[in-house]
Amino acid sequence: QVQLVESGGGSVQAGGSVRLSCALSAYTDTTYYCLAWFRQAPGKEREGVATINTGDDTTNYADSVKGRFTISQINTKNTVYLQMDSLKPEDTAMYFCAAVGGGTIGSCDMSSRWYDYWGQGTQVTVSS
């Protein structure tokens, strides 16, 4: 079973930066798997933010964060990061890391229904 522990959330002014971290235990199938960040704001559905494939480091981003957010991972440390720059008030949300077995290379799915394991969530608040 994969367990995920998040850190790095907090409050920041618009235009600032925050880096989220998620440490996870080894997946049952370690050949390839997908790691992802999701977010959910009050009154809105949970949406995919960014994904990364551990097999080839292929990344995928929501249009709303392209050019501002960067997802990365360190295989040997079982850690995934989300670097968030040029933050906007509309980025305010609870952020969750997630994982699922992939089995192949390429772009990972951005739908929450694809992921089996979730972190506890961490709040990011951006003020103007």
N, C-alpha and C. Protein backbone atom coordinates (compact mmCIF):
# COMPACT_ATOMS: atom_id res chain seq x y z
N GLN A 1 0.83 -1.18 0.00
CA GLN A 1 0.00 0.00 0.00
C GLN A 1 0.88 1.25 0.00
N VAL A 2 0.48 2.23 -0.79
CA VAL A 2 1.19 3.49 -0.87
C VAL A 2 0.61 4.46 0.16
N GLN A 3 1.50 5.10 0.90
CA GLN A 3 1.10 6.15 1.83
C GLN A 3 1.79 7.44 1.40
N LEU A 4 1.05 8.55 1.44
CA LEU A 4 1.55 9.84 0.99
C LEU A 4 1.44 10.86 2.12
N VAL A 5 2.51 11.63 2.30
CA VAL A 5 2.55 12.65 3.33
C VAL A 5 2.97 13.96 2.69
N GLU A 6 2.10 14.98 2.77
CA GLU A 6 2.34 16.26 2.12
C GLU A 6 2.86 17.30 3.10
N SER A 7 3.53 18.30 2.55
CA SER A 7 4.00 19.44 3.34
C SER A 7 4.22 20.62 2.41
N GLY A 8 4.31 21.82 2.99
CA GLY A 8 4.66 23.00 2.23
C GLY A 8 3.55 24.01 1.99
N GLY A 9 2.33 23.69 2.36
CA GLY A 9 1.23 24.62 2.15
C GLY A 9 1.32 25.82 3.08
N GLY A 10 0.58 26.87 2.74
CA GLY A 10 0.56 28.07 3.54
C GLY A 10 -0.06 29.23 2.81
N SER A 11 0.17 30.42 3.32
CA SER A 11 -0.37 31.65 2.74
C SER A 11 0.74 32.43 2.05
N VAL A 12 0.39 33.05 0.92
CA VAL A 12 1.36 33.80 0.14
C VAL A 12 0.65 34.93 -0.60
N GLN A 13 1.38 35.99 -0.87
CA GLN A 13 0.83 37.10 -1.64
C GLN A 13 0.82 36.76 -3.13
N ALA A 14 -0.11 37.34 -3.86
CA ALA A 14 -0.16 37.16 -5.30
C ALA A 14 1.19 37.51 -5.92
N GLY A 15 1.62 36.68 -6.87
CA GLY A 15 2.91 36.85 -7.50
C GLY A 15 4.03 36.10 -6.81
N GLY A 16 3.76 35.56 -5.64
CA GLY A 16 4.76 34.83 -4.89
C GLY A 16 4.87 33.37 -5.31
N SER A 17 5.68 32.62 -4.57
CA SER A 17 5.96 31.23 -4.90
C SER A 17 5.81 30.33 -3.68
N VAL A 18 5.40 29.10 -3.93
CA VAL A 18 5.30 28.06 -2.90
C VAL A 18 5.72 26.74 -3.52
N ARG A 19 6.44 25.93 -2.76
CA ARG A 19 6.77 24.58 -3.21
C ARG A 19 6.13 23.57 -2.29
N LEU A 20 5.32 22.69 -2.86
CA LEU A 20 4.70 21.61 -2.13
C LEU A 20 5.52 20.34 -2.30
N SER A 21 5.59 19.54 -1.24
CA SER A 21 6.31 18.28 -1.27
C SER A 21 5.38 17.15 -0.86
N CYS A 22 5.60 15.98 -1.43
CA CYS A 22 4.83 14.79 -1.07
C CYS A 22 5.77 13.60 -1.03
N ALA A 23 5.91 13.01 0.14
CA ALA A 23 6.72 11.81 0.31
C ALA A 23 5.80 10.59 0.30
N LEU A 24 6.18 9.57 -0.45
CA LEU A 24 5.33 8.40 -0.55
C LEU A 24 6.14 7.11 -0.44
N SER A 25 5.48 6.07 0.08
CA SER A 25 6.10 4.77 0.18
C SER A 25 6.10 4.10 -1.19
N ALA A 26 6.86 3.01 -1.32
CA ALA A 26 6.98 2.32 -2.60
C ALA A 26 5.64 1.73 -3.03
N TYR A 27 5.34 1.85 -4.32
CA TYR A 27 4.14 1.25 -4.87
C TYR A 27 4.34 -0.25 -5.04
N THR A 28 3.24 -0.99 -5.08
CA THR A 28 3.34 -2.44 -5.21
C THR A 28 3.97 -2.85 -6.54
N ASP A 29 3.72 -2.09 -7.60
CA ASP A 29 4.34 -2.29 -8.90
C ASP A 29 5.19 -1.06 -9.19
N THR A 30 6.50 -1.21 -9.09
CA THR A 30 7.39 -0.07 -9.23
C THR A 30 7.99 0.10 -10.61
N THR A 31 7.53 -0.67 -11.59
CA THR A 31 8.06 -0.55 -12.94
C THR A 31 7.85 0.86 -13.48
N TYR A 32 6.59 1.28 -13.52
CA TYR A 32 6.20 2.63 -13.88
C TYR A 32 4.93 2.98 -13.12
N TYR A 33 4.82 4.21 -12.70
CA TYR A 33 3.56 4.67 -12.15
C TYR A 33 3.45 6.18 -12.27
N CYS A 34 2.24 6.68 -12.10
CA CYS A 34 1.96 8.11 -12.24
C CYS A 34 1.81 8.78 -10.89
N LEU A 35 2.35 9.99 -10.79
CA LEU A 35 2.18 10.84 -9.62
C LEU A 35 1.49 12.12 -10.08
N ALA A 36 0.65 12.69 -9.22
CA ALA A 36 -0.13 13.83 -9.65
C ALA A 36 -0.43 14.77 -8.49
N TRP A 37 -0.74 16.00 -8.85
CA TRP A 37 -1.26 16.99 -7.91
C TRP A 37 -2.65 17.41 -8.37
N PHE A 38 -3.58 17.45 -7.43
CA PHE A 38 -4.93 17.93 -7.67
C PHE A 38 -5.22 19.08 -6.71
N ARG A 39 -6.26 19.84 -7.00
CA ARG A 39 -6.68 20.89 -6.09
C ARG A 39 -8.19 21.02 -6.09
N GLN A 40 -8.72 21.52 -4.97
CA GLN A 40 -10.15 21.72 -4.85
C GLN A 40 -10.42 22.99 -4.06
N ALA A 41 -11.12 23.91 -4.70
CA ALA A 41 -11.52 25.16 -4.06
C ALA A 41 -12.96 25.04 -3.59
N PRO A 42 -13.37 25.86 -2.61
CA PRO A 42 -14.75 25.81 -2.13
C PRO A 42 -15.76 25.99 -3.26
N GLY A 43 -16.74 25.10 -3.32
CA GLY A 43 -17.77 25.18 -4.33
C GLY A 43 -17.38 24.67 -5.70
N LYS A 44 -16.18 24.13 -5.83
CA LYS A 44 -15.71 23.63 -7.11
C LYS A 44 -15.33 22.15 -7.00
N GLU A 45 -15.32 21.48 -8.15
CA GLU A 45 -14.91 20.09 -8.20
C GLU A 45 -13.39 19.98 -8.13
N ARG A 46 -12.93 18.82 -7.67
CA ARG A 46 -11.50 18.58 -7.65
C ARG A 46 -10.97 18.51 -9.08
N GLU A 47 -9.88 19.21 -9.35
CA GLU A 47 -9.33 19.27 -10.69
C GLU A 47 -7.86 18.88 -10.70
N GLY A 48 -7.44 18.28 -11.79
CA GLY A 48 -6.05 17.93 -11.96
C GLY A 48 -5.21 19.16 -12.23
N VAL A 49 -4.05 19.22 -11.61
CA VAL A 49 -3.13 20.34 -11.77
C VAL A 49 -1.92 19.94 -12.61
N ALA A 50 -1.28 18.83 -12.25
CA ALA A 50 -0.09 18.38 -12.95
C ALA A 50 0.15 16.91 -12.68
N THR A 51 0.76 16.22 -13.63
CA THR A 51 1.11 14.81 -13.48
C THR A 51 2.52 14.57 -13.97
N ILE A 52 3.12 13.49 -13.49
CA ILE A 52 4.43 13.07 -13.96
C ILE A 52 4.50 11.55 -13.97
N ASN A 53 5.11 11.00 -15.01
CA ASN A 53 5.30 9.57 -15.13
C ASN A 53 6.70 9.22 -14.64
N THR A 54 6.79 8.33 -13.66
CA THR A 54 8.10 7.98 -13.10
C THR A 54 8.97 7.21 -14.07
N GLY A 55 8.37 6.65 -15.13
CA GLY A 55 9.13 5.87 -16.09
C GLY A 55 9.97 6.70 -17.04
N ASP A 56 9.46 7.85 -17.46
CA ASP A 56 10.17 8.68 -18.43
C ASP A 56 10.10 10.17 -18.13
N ASP A 57 9.55 10.54 -16.97
CA ASP A 57 9.42 11.93 -16.53
C ASP A 57 8.52 12.77 -17.44
N THR A 58 7.65 12.13 -18.21
CA THR A 58 6.68 12.88 -18.99
C THR A 58 5.75 13.64 -18.05
N THR A 59 5.54 14.91 -18.34
CA THR A 59 4.68 15.75 -17.50
C THR A 59 3.46 16.23 -18.27
N ASN A 60 2.43 16.60 -17.52
CA ASN A 60 1.19 17.08 -18.08
C ASN A 60 0.64 18.14 -17.13
N TYR A 61 0.16 19.27 -17.68
CA TYR A 61 -0.30 20.38 -16.86
C TYR A 61 -1.67 20.86 -17.31
N ALA A 62 -2.46 21.30 -16.34
CA ALA A 62 -3.69 21.99 -16.65
C ALA A 62 -3.36 23.32 -17.34
N ASP A 63 -4.23 23.73 -18.27
CA ASP A 63 -3.98 24.97 -19.00
C ASP A 63 -3.83 26.17 -18.07
N SER A 64 -4.55 26.16 -16.96
CA SER A 64 -4.56 27.29 -16.06
C SER A 64 -3.24 27.50 -15.32
N VAL A 65 -2.37 26.48 -15.31
CA VAL A 65 -1.11 26.59 -14.56
C VAL A 65 0.12 26.46 -15.45
N LYS A 66 -0.05 26.21 -16.74
CA LYS A 66 1.09 26.06 -17.63
C LYS A 66 1.96 27.30 -17.62
N GLY A 67 3.26 27.09 -17.51
CA GLY A 67 4.20 28.18 -17.47
C GLY A 67 4.43 28.75 -16.08
N ARG A 68 3.60 28.37 -15.12
CA ARG A 68 3.73 28.87 -13.75
C ARG A 68 4.07 27.78 -12.75
N PHE A 69 3.55 26.57 -12.96
CA PHE A 69 3.78 25.45 -12.04
C PHE A 69 4.71 24.44 -12.69
N THR A 70 5.51 23.75 -11.86
CA THR A 70 6.40 22.71 -12.34
C THR A 70 6.33 21.51 -11.40
N ILE A 71 6.05 20.33 -11.97
CA ILE A 71 6.04 19.11 -11.19
C ILE A 71 7.36 18.37 -11.44
N SER A 72 7.91 17.77 -10.40
CA SER A 72 9.13 17.00 -10.52
C SER A 72 9.13 15.88 -9.48
N GLN A 73 10.00 14.90 -9.68
CA GLN A 73 10.06 13.79 -8.75
C GLN A 73 11.48 13.26 -8.63
N ILE A 74 11.77 12.69 -7.46
CA ILE A 74 13.05 12.04 -7.19
C ILE A 74 12.74 10.59 -6.90
N ASN A 75 13.06 9.71 -7.86
CA ASN A 75 12.70 8.30 -7.74
C ASN A 75 13.27 7.64 -6.50
N THR A 76 14.57 7.84 -6.26
CA THR A 76 15.23 7.16 -5.16
C THR A 76 14.72 7.61 -3.80
N LYS A 77 14.09 8.76 -3.74
CA LYS A 77 13.56 9.28 -2.48
C LYS A 77 12.04 9.20 -2.41
N ASN A 78 11.42 8.66 -3.47
CA ASN A 78 9.96 8.54 -3.51
C ASN A 78 9.28 9.84 -3.13
N THR A 79 9.69 10.91 -3.79
CA THR A 79 9.19 12.24 -3.48
C THR A 79 8.74 12.95 -4.75
N VAL A 80 7.62 13.65 -4.66
CA VAL A 80 7.14 14.46 -5.77
C VAL A 80 6.94 15.88 -5.27
N TYR A 81 7.29 16.85 -6.12
CA TYR A 81 7.21 18.26 -5.77
C TYR A 81 6.28 18.99 -6.73
N LEU A 82 5.71 20.07 -6.25
CA LEU A 82 5.00 21.00 -7.11
C LEU A 82 5.52 22.40 -6.79
N GLN A 83 6.30 22.95 -7.71
CA GLN A 83 6.80 24.31 -7.58
C GLN A 83 5.78 25.24 -8.21
N MET A 84 5.26 26.17 -7.42
CA MET A 84 4.22 27.08 -7.87
C MET A 84 4.76 28.51 -7.85
N ASP A 85 4.85 29.10 -9.02
CA ASP A 85 5.35 30.47 -9.18
C ASP A 85 4.25 31.36 -9.74
N SER A 86 4.44 32.66 -9.61
CA SER A 86 3.48 33.65 -10.12
C SER A 86 2.06 33.32 -9.69
N LEU A 87 1.91 33.06 -8.41
CA LEU A 87 0.62 32.63 -7.89
C LEU A 87 -0.45 33.71 -8.01
N LYS A 88 -1.67 33.26 -8.27
CA LYS A 88 -2.82 34.13 -8.41
C LYS A 88 -3.85 33.78 -7.35
N PRO A 89 -4.73 34.72 -6.98
CA PRO A 89 -5.77 34.40 -6.00
C PRO A 89 -6.61 33.18 -6.39
N GLU A 90 -6.84 32.98 -7.68
CA GLU A 90 -7.63 31.84 -8.12
C GLU A 90 -6.92 30.50 -7.93
N ASP A 91 -5.65 30.52 -7.54
CA ASP A 91 -4.94 29.29 -7.21
C ASP A 91 -5.25 28.81 -5.80
N THR A 92 -5.95 29.62 -5.02
CA THR A 92 -6.30 29.25 -3.66
C THR A 92 -7.15 27.98 -3.65
N ALA A 93 -6.69 26.97 -2.91
CA ALA A 93 -7.39 25.68 -2.89
C ALA A 93 -6.69 24.75 -1.91
N MET A 94 -7.35 23.63 -1.63
CA MET A 94 -6.68 22.51 -0.99
C MET A 94 -5.96 21.72 -2.07
N TYR A 95 -4.69 21.44 -1.87
CA TYR A 95 -3.89 20.70 -2.84
C TYR A 95 -3.61 19.30 -2.32
N PHE A 96 -3.80 18.31 -3.19
CA PHE A 96 -3.64 16.91 -2.84
C PHE A 96 -2.64 16.25 -3.79
N CYS A 97 -1.76 15.40 -3.26
CA CYS A 97 -0.95 14.56 -4.11
C CYS A 97 -1.60 13.19 -4.22
N ALA A 98 -1.33 12.50 -5.34
CA ALA A 98 -1.97 11.23 -5.61
C ALA A 98 -1.03 10.34 -6.41
N ALA A 99 -1.29 9.03 -6.38
CA ALA A 99 -0.47 8.07 -7.09
C ALA A 99 -1.31 6.93 -7.62
N VAL A 100 -0.86 6.33 -8.72
CA VAL A 100 -1.51 5.17 -9.30
C VAL A 100 -0.49 4.41 -10.13
N GLY A 101 -0.65 3.09 -10.22
CA GLY A 101 0.21 2.30 -11.08
C GLY A 101 -0.06 2.60 -12.54
N GLY A 102 1.01 2.76 -13.32
CA GLY A 102 0.88 3.07 -14.73
C GLY A 102 1.17 1.88 -15.63
N GLY A 103 2.40 1.41 -15.57
CA GLY A 103 2.78 0.25 -16.36
C GLY A 103 3.35 0.58 -17.73
N THR A 104 3.35 1.86 -18.10
CA THR A 104 3.87 2.28 -19.39
C THR A 104 4.43 3.68 -19.28
N ILE A 105 5.04 4.16 -20.35
CA ILE A 105 5.56 5.52 -20.39
C ILE A 105 4.57 6.42 -21.10
N GLY A 106 4.80 7.72 -20.98
CA GLY A 106 3.93 8.69 -21.63
C GLY A 106 3.16 9.53 -20.63
N SER A 107 2.24 10.32 -21.16
CA SER A 107 1.47 11.25 -20.35
C SER A 107 0.51 10.52 -19.42
N CYS A 108 0.42 10.98 -18.18
CA CYS A 108 -0.49 10.41 -17.20
C CYS A 108 -1.84 11.09 -17.26
N ASP A 109 -2.87 10.37 -16.85
CA ASP A 109 -4.22 10.88 -16.88
C ASP A 109 -4.41 11.99 -15.85
N MET A 110 -5.25 12.97 -16.18
CA MET A 110 -5.50 14.10 -15.30
C MET A 110 -6.82 14.01 -14.54
N SER A 111 -7.51 12.90 -14.66
CA SER A 111 -8.79 12.72 -13.98
C SER A 111 -8.56 12.10 -12.61
N SER A 112 -9.25 12.61 -11.59
CA SER A 112 -9.08 12.12 -10.23
C SER A 112 -9.49 10.65 -10.09
N ARG A 113 -10.41 10.18 -10.93
CA ARG A 113 -10.88 8.81 -10.84
C ARG A 113 -9.80 7.80 -11.19
N TRP A 114 -8.72 8.25 -11.79
CA TRP A 114 -7.62 7.38 -12.21
C TRP A 114 -6.70 7.02 -11.05
N TYR A 115 -6.77 7.76 -9.95
CA TYR A 115 -5.77 7.62 -8.89
C TYR A 115 -6.32 6.88 -7.67
N ASP A 116 -5.50 5.99 -7.14
CA ASP A 116 -5.90 5.10 -6.06
C ASP A 116 -5.46 5.57 -4.68
N TYR A 117 -4.36 6.30 -4.60
CA TYR A 117 -3.77 6.67 -3.32
C TYR A 117 -3.65 8.19 -3.23
N TRP A 118 -4.03 8.73 -2.07
CA TRP A 118 -4.12 10.18 -1.89
C TRP A 118 -3.46 10.64 -0.61
N GLY A 119 -2.89 11.83 -0.65
CA GLY A 119 -2.39 12.48 0.54
C GLY A 119 -3.52 13.15 1.31
N GLN A 120 -3.17 13.74 2.43
CA GLN A 120 -4.17 14.33 3.32
C GLN A 120 -4.65 15.70 2.85
N GLY A 121 -3.92 16.33 1.97
CA GLY A 121 -4.25 17.66 1.49
C GLY A 121 -3.56 18.74 2.29
N THR A 122 -3.18 19.82 1.61
CA THR A 122 -2.57 20.96 2.27
C THR A 122 -3.13 22.24 1.65
N GLN A 123 -3.46 23.21 2.49
CA GLN A 123 -4.10 24.43 2.04
C GLN A 123 -3.09 25.43 1.50
N VAL A 124 -3.39 25.99 0.34
CA VAL A 124 -2.62 27.09 -0.22
C VAL A 124 -3.57 28.27 -0.41
N THR A 125 -3.25 29.39 0.22
CA THR A 125 -4.08 30.58 0.13
C THR A 125 -3.26 31.71 -0.47
N VAL A 126 -3.77 32.29 -1.56
CA VAL A 126 -3.08 33.37 -2.26
C VAL A 126 -3.92 34.63 -2.12
N SER A 127 -3.36 35.66 -1.53
CA SER A 127 -4.05 36.92 -1.33
C SER A 127 -3.51 37.99 -2.27
N SER A 128 -4.36 38.95 -2.61
CA SER A 128 -3.97 40.02 -3.52
C SER A 128 -3.70 41.31 -2.77
